[in-house]
Amino acid sequence: MSIHSISQLDFSKTYTIADYVTWKFDELVELIKGKVVQMSPSPRSYHQAVSQNISFELEKLFRRLPCKVFVAPFDVYLFGDEAEKNTVVEPDICIICDRTKIKDKGCVGAPDFIVEILSLSTMKKDLNDKFRLYEEAGVKVYWVVHPKEKQVSVYVLNEVGKYDLKDHYAEKDNVPLFLWEEKSISCEEIFYDV
């Protein structure tokens, strides 16, 4: 049965990708370990500005390289898209270097690099639930951007599959991309006109 309104969902129930692909409503949701998580209403202007700044800089860096930059809304089936799987997320920005993961419906498998831009309504989810999900899925680099503090926290997956905090970057720092040693984005560009 297709669901045409978010109000038809039972938020106490767990769902799978087989359910997710049948939903016919406009609101954005994430499916995290089977639980439906409503996305915030339209992001604040500072969130949008930071997202545009980062995606613009990443697009310049990766324009002619095999890796591809995507911005939300963009479905990421972190653990695969089989019907029984139960996780689909909408990262603010992601970079995918394995082009076989890019499908018409989104990314199937873990991107190499994910950026989440914090807001009051998403902070707990981004710092806890998504942190653990991205680590478990094998996302190699995870940037958590704090727009109000104008700071970027960078986590890099270590050899045992756990995130190490590399540093908190702010002010005039250059934030390294880590997977690409020579590439970085300055905090001045990330937080330009915010």
C-alpha atoms as a PDB file:
ATOM      1  CA  MET A   1       0.000   0.000   0.000  1.00  0.00           C
ATOM      2  CA  SER A   2       1.384   3.409  -0.993  1.00  0.00           C
ATOM      3  CA  ILE A   3       1.506   6.119   1.628  1.00  0.00           C
ATOM      4  CA  HIS A   4       0.547   9.516   0.220  1.00  0.00           C
ATOM      5  CA  SER A   5       0.816  11.622   3.380  1.00  0.00           C
ATOM      6  CA  ILE A   6       3.420  11.703   6.105  1.00  0.00           C
ATOM      7  CA  SER A   7       0.560  11.643   8.610  1.00  0.00           C
ATOM      8  CA  GLN A   8      -0.180   8.056   7.484  1.00  0.00           C
ATOM      9  CA  LEU A   9       3.161   6.861   8.873  1.00  0.00           C
ATOM     10  CA  ASP A  10       3.291   5.139  12.243  1.00  0.00           C
ATOM     11  CA  PHE A  11       6.373   6.653  13.885  1.00  0.00           C
ATOM     12  CA  SER A  12       6.497   3.856  16.476  1.00  0.00           C
ATOM     13  CA  LYS A  13       6.879   1.238  13.729  1.00  0.00           C
ATOM     14  CA  THR A  14      10.081   0.191  11.971  1.00  0.00           C
ATOM     15  CA  TYR A  15      10.240   0.332   8.186  1.00  0.00           C
ATOM     16  CA  THR A  16      12.493  -0.978   5.429  1.00  0.00           C
ATOM     17  CA  ILE A  17      13.638   0.322   2.077  1.00  0.00           C
ATOM     18  CA  ALA A  18      10.810  -1.699   0.521  1.00  0.00           C
ATOM     19  CA  ASP A  19       8.435   0.624   2.410  1.00  0.00           C
ATOM     20  CA  TYR A  20      10.479   3.785   1.811  1.00  0.00           C
ATOM     21  CA  VAL A  21      10.400   3.518  -1.981  1.00  0.00           C
ATOM     22  CA  THR A  22       6.591   3.391  -1.995  1.00  0.00           C
ATOM     23  CA  TRP A  23       6.056   6.629  -0.055  1.00  0.00           C
ATOM     24  CA  LYS A  24       4.491   9.322  -2.245  1.00  0.00           C
ATOM     25  CA  PHE A  25       4.627  12.478  -0.114  1.00  0.00           C
ATOM     26  CA  ASP A  26       6.713  15.635  -0.602  1.00  0.00           C
ATOM     27  CA  GLU A  27       8.186  15.977   2.896  1.00  0.00           C
ATOM     28  CA  LEU A  28      11.749  14.761   3.311  1.00  0.00           C
ATOM     29  CA  VAL A  29      12.396  11.995   5.828  1.00  0.00           C
ATOM     30  CA  GLU A  30      15.322   9.812   6.724  1.00  0.00           C
ATOM     31  CA  LEU A  31      15.117   6.153   7.609  1.00  0.00           C
ATOM     32  CA  ILE A  32      17.600   5.407  10.388  1.00  0.00           C
ATOM     33  CA  LYS A  33      17.780   1.736  11.375  1.00  0.00           C
ATOM     34  CA  GLY A  34      14.120   1.408  10.426  1.00  0.00           C
ATOM     35  CA  LYS A  35      12.875   4.480  12.298  1.00  0.00           C
ATOM     36  CA  VAL A  36      11.412   7.404  10.349  1.00  0.00           C
ATOM     37  CA  VAL A  37      13.057  10.713  11.191  1.00  0.00           C
ATOM     38  CA  GLN A  38      11.412  13.838   9.833  1.00  0.00           C
ATOM     39  CA  MET A  39      13.769  16.356   8.293  1.00  0.00           C
ATOM     40  CA  SER A  40      13.655  19.882   9.628  1.00  0.00           C
ATOM     41  CA  PRO A  41      11.575  22.413   7.787  1.00  0.00           C
ATOM     42  CA  SER A  42      13.493  24.555   5.317  1.00  0.00           C
ATOM     43  CA  PRO A  43      16.991  25.214   6.645  1.00  0.00           C
ATOM     44  CA  ARG A  44      17.883  28.609   8.073  1.00  0.00           C
ATOM     45  CA  SER A  45      19.639  31.096   5.826  1.00  0.00           C
ATOM     46  CA  TYR A  46      23.007  30.606   7.582  1.00  0.00           C
ATOM     47  CA  HIS A  47      22.740  26.837   7.003  1.00  0.00           C
ATOM     48  CA  GLN A  48      22.034  27.382   3.317  1.00  0.00           C
ATOM     49  CA  ALA A  49      24.875  29.903   2.973  1.00  0.00           C
ATOM     50  CA  VAL A  50      27.404  27.535   4.555  1.00  0.00           C
ATOM     51  CA  SER A  51      26.150  24.631   2.422  1.00  0.00           C
ATOM     52  CA  GLN A  52      26.468  26.691  -0.754  1.00  0.00           C
ATOM     53  CA  ASN A  53      29.940  27.904   0.211  1.00  0.00           C
ATOM     54  CA  ILE A  54      31.235  24.397   0.891  1.00  0.00           C
ATOM     55  CA  SER A  55      29.620  22.818  -2.153  1.00  0.00           C
ATOM     56  CA  PHE A  56      30.961  25.640  -4.368  1.00  0.00           C
ATOM     57  CA  GLU A  57      34.514  25.094  -3.083  1.00  0.00           C
ATOM     58  CA  LEU A  58      34.257  21.303  -3.385  1.00  0.00           C
ATOM     59  CA  GLU A  59      32.854  21.563  -6.885  1.00  0.00           C
ATOM     60  CA  LYS A  60      35.861  23.696  -7.914  1.00  0.00           C
ATOM     61  CA  LEU A  61      38.271  21.153  -6.416  1.00  0.00           C
ATOM     62  CA  PHE A  62      36.621  18.093  -7.980  1.00  0.00           C
ATOM     63  CA  ARG A  63      35.288  19.483 -11.275  1.00  0.00           C
ATOM     64  CA  ARG A  64      37.542  17.386 -13.538  1.00  0.00           C
ATOM     65  CA  LEU A  65      38.232  14.472 -11.196  1.00  0.00           C
ATOM     66  CA  PRO A  66      36.424  11.127 -10.981  1.00  0.00           C
ATOM     67  CA  CYS A  67      34.845  11.983  -7.617  1.00  0.00           C
ATOM     68  CA  LYS A  68      31.385  13.599  -7.685  1.00  0.00           C
ATOM     69  CA  VAL A  69      29.899  16.114  -5.229  1.00  0.00           C
ATOM     70  CA  PHE A  70      26.207  15.918  -4.280  1.00  0.00           C
ATOM     71  CA  VAL A  71      24.104  18.200  -2.073  1.00  0.00           C
ATOM     72  CA  ALA A  72      20.836  17.539  -0.245  1.00  0.00           C
ATOM     73  CA  PRO A  73      18.258  16.442  -1.000  1.00  0.00           C
ATOM     74  CA  PHE A  74      20.034  13.303  -2.186  1.00  0.00           C
ATOM     75  CA  ASP A  75      19.194   9.803  -0.937  1.00  0.00           C
ATOM     76  CA  VAL A  76      22.107   7.786   0.431  1.00  0.00           C
ATOM     77  CA  TYR A  77      21.380   4.087   0.963  1.00  0.00           C
ATOM     78  CA  LEU A  78      24.299   3.646   3.369  1.00  0.00           C
ATOM     79  CA  PHE A  79      24.189  -0.146   3.693  1.00  0.00           C
ATOM     80  CA  GLY A  80      22.759  -0.999   0.274  1.00  0.00           C
ATOM     81  CA  ASP A  81      19.360  -0.736  -1.372  1.00  0.00           C
ATOM     82  CA  GLU A  82      18.047  -4.257  -0.871  1.00  0.00           C
ATOM     83  CA  ALA A  83      14.368  -4.307   0.137  1.00  0.00           C
ATOM     84  CA  GLU A  84      15.065  -5.555   3.675  1.00  0.00           C
ATOM     85  CA  LYS A  85      17.670  -2.864   4.479  1.00  0.00           C
ATOM     86  CA  ASN A  86      16.480  -0.067   6.739  1.00  0.00           C
ATOM     87  CA  THR A  87      18.632   3.044   6.388  1.00  0.00           C
ATOM     88  CA  VAL A  88      18.381   5.981   3.973  1.00  0.00           C
ATOM     89  CA  VAL A  89      19.945   9.323   4.941  1.00  0.00           C
ATOM     90  CA  GLU A  90      20.087  12.806   3.426  1.00  0.00           C
ATOM     91  CA  PRO A  91      23.527  14.268   4.200  1.00  0.00           C
ATOM     92  CA  ASP A  92      23.957  17.977   3.540  1.00  0.00           C
ATOM     93  CA  ILE A  93      26.892  17.289   1.197  1.00  0.00           C
ATOM     94  CA  CYS A  94      28.708  14.143   0.125  1.00  0.00           C
ATOM     95  CA  ILE A  95      31.528  13.111  -2.191  1.00  0.00           C
ATOM     96  CA  ILE A  96      31.412   9.771  -3.981  1.00  0.00           C
ATOM     97  CA  CYS A  97      34.501   8.489  -5.776  1.00  0.00           C
ATOM     98  CA  ASP A  98      33.259   5.020  -6.704  1.00  0.00           C
ATOM     99  CA  ARG A  99      30.972   5.923  -9.610  1.00  0.00           C
ATOM    100  CA  THR A 100      29.317   2.485  -9.498  1.00  0.00           C
ATOM    101  CA  LYS A 101      27.597   3.621  -6.279  1.00  0.00           C
ATOM    102  CA  ILE A 102      25.862   6.500  -8.082  1.00  0.00           C
ATOM    103  CA  LYS A 103      22.417   5.447  -9.248  1.00  0.00           C
ATOM    104  CA  ASP A 104      19.444   7.404 -10.529  1.00  0.00           C
ATOM    105  CA  LYS A 105      17.794   7.173  -7.101  1.00  0.00           C
ATOM    106  CA  GLY A 106      20.915   8.304  -5.158  1.00  0.00           C
ATOM    107  CA  CYS A 107      24.026   6.707  -3.694  1.00  0.00           C
ATOM    108  CA  VAL A 108      24.001   2.987  -2.913  1.00  0.00           C
ATOM    109  CA  GLY A 109      26.702   2.351  -0.319  1.00  0.00           C
ATOM    110  CA  ALA A 110      28.808   4.695   1.765  1.00  0.00           C
ATOM    111  CA  PRO A 111      30.106   7.935   0.231  1.00  0.00           C
ATOM    112  CA  ASP A 112      33.795   8.662   0.819  1.00  0.00           C
ATOM    113  CA  PHE A 113      33.177  12.021   2.469  1.00  0.00           C
ATOM    114  CA  ILE A 114      30.135  13.529   4.215  1.00  0.00           C
ATOM    115  CA  VAL A 115      29.404  17.009   5.548  1.00  0.00           C
ATOM    116  CA  GLU A 116      26.614  17.708   8.030  1.00  0.00           C
ATOM    117  CA  ILE A 117      25.853  21.317   8.954  1.00  0.00           C
ATOM    118  CA  LEU A 118      24.472  21.560  12.466  1.00  0.00           C
ATOM    119  CA  SER A 119      21.337  23.359  13.497  1.00  0.00           C
ATOM    120  CA  LEU A 120      19.536  23.238  16.836  1.00  0.00           C
ATOM    121  CA  SER A 121      16.994  20.775  15.457  1.00  0.00           C
ATOM    122  CA  THR A 122      19.584  18.363  13.959  1.00  0.00           C
ATOM    123  CA  MET A 123      22.495  18.635  16.395  1.00  0.00           C
ATOM    124  CA  LYS A 124      21.740  15.534  18.476  1.00  0.00           C
ATOM    125  CA  LYS A 125      21.037  13.399  15.399  1.00  0.00           C
ATOM    126  CA  ASP A 126      24.162  14.585  13.528  1.00  0.00           C
ATOM    127  CA  LEU A 127      26.506  14.221  16.518  1.00  0.00           C
ATOM    128  CA  ASN A 128      25.149  10.883  17.747  1.00  0.00           C
ATOM    129  CA  ASP A 129      22.940   8.829  15.427  1.00  0.00           C
ATOM    130  CA  LYS A 130      24.503   9.842  12.132  1.00  0.00           C
ATOM    131  CA  PHE A 131      28.009   9.827  13.593  1.00  0.00           C
ATOM    132  CA  ARG A 132      27.584   6.154  14.532  1.00  0.00           C
ATOM    133  CA  LEU A 133      25.878   5.311  11.223  1.00  0.00           C
ATOM    134  CA  TYR A 134      28.593   6.926   9.114  1.00  0.00           C
ATOM    135  CA  GLU A 135      31.293   5.231  11.167  1.00  0.00           C
ATOM    136  CA  GLU A 136      29.582   1.821  10.866  1.00  0.00           C
ATOM    137  CA  ALA A 137      29.043   2.265   7.109  1.00  0.00           C
ATOM    138  CA  GLY A 138      32.696   3.183   6.538  1.00  0.00           C
ATOM    139  CA  VAL A 139      32.396   6.836   5.488  1.00  0.00           C
ATOM    140  CA  LYS A 140      36.088   7.750   5.447  1.00  0.00           C
ATOM    141  CA  VAL A 141      35.825  11.447   6.358  1.00  0.00           C
ATOM    142  CA  TYR A 142      33.023  13.171   8.282  1.00  0.00           C
ATOM    143  CA  TRP A 143      32.904  16.950   8.658  1.00  0.00           C
ATOM    144  CA  VAL A 144      30.602  18.397  11.304  1.00  0.00           C
ATOM    145  CA  VAL A 145      30.140  22.102  10.631  1.00  0.00           C
ATOM    146  CA  HIS A 146      29.104  24.403  13.481  1.00  0.00           C
ATOM    147  CA  PRO A 147      27.875  27.532  11.653  1.00  0.00           C
ATOM    148  CA  LYS A 148      27.109  29.607  14.740  1.00  0.00           C
ATOM    149  CA  GLU A 149      30.602  28.984  16.180  1.00  0.00           C
ATOM    150  CA  LYS A 150      32.168  29.126  12.701  1.00  0.00           C
ATOM    151  CA  GLN A 151      34.012  25.904  13.367  1.00  0.00           C
ATOM    152  CA  VAL A 152      34.531  22.597  11.531  1.00  0.00           C
ATOM    153  CA  SER A 153      35.195  19.336  13.395  1.00  0.00           C
ATOM    154  CA  VAL A 154      36.847  16.701  11.221  1.00  0.00           C
ATOM    155  CA  TYR A 155      36.638  12.963  11.883  1.00  0.00           C
ATOM    156  CA  VAL A 156      38.650  10.432   9.895  1.00  0.00           C
ATOM    157  CA  LEU A 157      38.032   6.677   9.930  1.00  0.00           C
ATOM    158  CA  ASN A 158      41.005   4.801  11.370  1.00  0.00           C
ATOM    159  CA  GLU A 159      42.290   1.322  10.500  1.00  0.00           C
ATOM    160  CA  VAL A 160      39.918  -0.370  12.987  1.00  0.00           C
ATOM    161  CA  GLY A 161      36.844   1.381  11.593  1.00  0.00           C
ATOM    162  CA  LYS A 162      36.403   4.033  14.294  1.00  0.00           C
ATOM    163  CA  TYR A 163      36.451   7.795  13.896  1.00  0.00           C
ATOM    164  CA  ASP A 164      39.401   9.791  15.192  1.00  0.00           C
ATOM    165  CA  LEU A 165      38.851  13.492  15.759  1.00  0.00           C
ATOM    166  CA  LYS A 166      41.593  15.143  13.724  1.00  0.00           C
ATOM    167  CA  ASP A 167      40.935  18.697  14.917  1.00  0.00           C
ATOM    168  CA  HIS A 168      38.506  21.578  15.256  1.00  0.00           C
ATOM    169  CA  TYR A 169      39.189  24.228  12.613  1.00  0.00           C
ATOM    170  CA  ALA A 170      38.161  27.885  12.827  1.00  0.00           C
ATOM    171  CA  GLU A 171      38.991  31.471  11.812  1.00  0.00           C
ATOM    172  CA  LYS A 172      41.887  31.490   9.335  1.00  0.00           C
ATOM    173  CA  ASP A 173      42.519  27.719   9.372  1.00  0.00           C
ATOM    174  CA  ASN A 174      42.532  25.629   6.239  1.00  0.00           C
ATOM    175  CA  VAL A 175      40.404  22.519   6.684  1.00  0.00           C
ATOM    176  CA  PRO A 176      42.097  19.513   5.030  1.00  0.00           C
ATOM    177  CA  LEU A 177      39.997  17.009   3.128  1.00  0.00           C
ATOM    178  CA  PHE A 178      42.362  14.223   4.339  1.00  0.00           C
ATOM    179  CA  LEU A 179      41.556  11.730   1.574  1.00  0.00           C
ATOM    180  CA  TRP A 180      43.129  14.141  -0.848  1.00  0.00           C
ATOM    181  CA  GLU A 181      46.284  15.379   0.903  1.00  0.00           C
ATOM    182  CA  GLU A 182      46.806  18.484  -1.182  1.00  0.00           C
ATOM    183  CA  LYS A 183      43.185  19.656  -0.975  1.00  0.00           C
ATOM    184  CA  SER A 184      41.692  21.905   1.691  1.00  0.00           C
ATOM    185  CA  ILE A 185      39.107  24.654   2.098  1.00  0.00           C
ATOM    186  CA  SER A 186      39.687  27.725   4.219  1.00  0.00           C
ATOM    187  CA  CYS A 187      37.303  28.544   7.049  1.00  0.00           C
ATOM    188  CA  GLU A 188      37.109  32.030   5.562  1.00  0.00           C
ATOM    189  CA  GLU A 189      35.526  30.524   2.433  1.00  0.00           C
ATOM    190  CA  ILE A 190      33.303  28.112   4.378  1.00  0.00           C
ATOM    191  CA  PHE A 191      31.857  30.901   6.522  1.00  0.00           C
ATOM    192  CA  TYR A 192      32.031  33.682   3.929  1.00  0.00           C
ATOM    193  CA  ASP A 193      29.142  36.144   4.302  1.00  0.00           C
ATOM    194  CA  VAL A 194      27.443  34.096   7.045  1.00  0.00           C
END
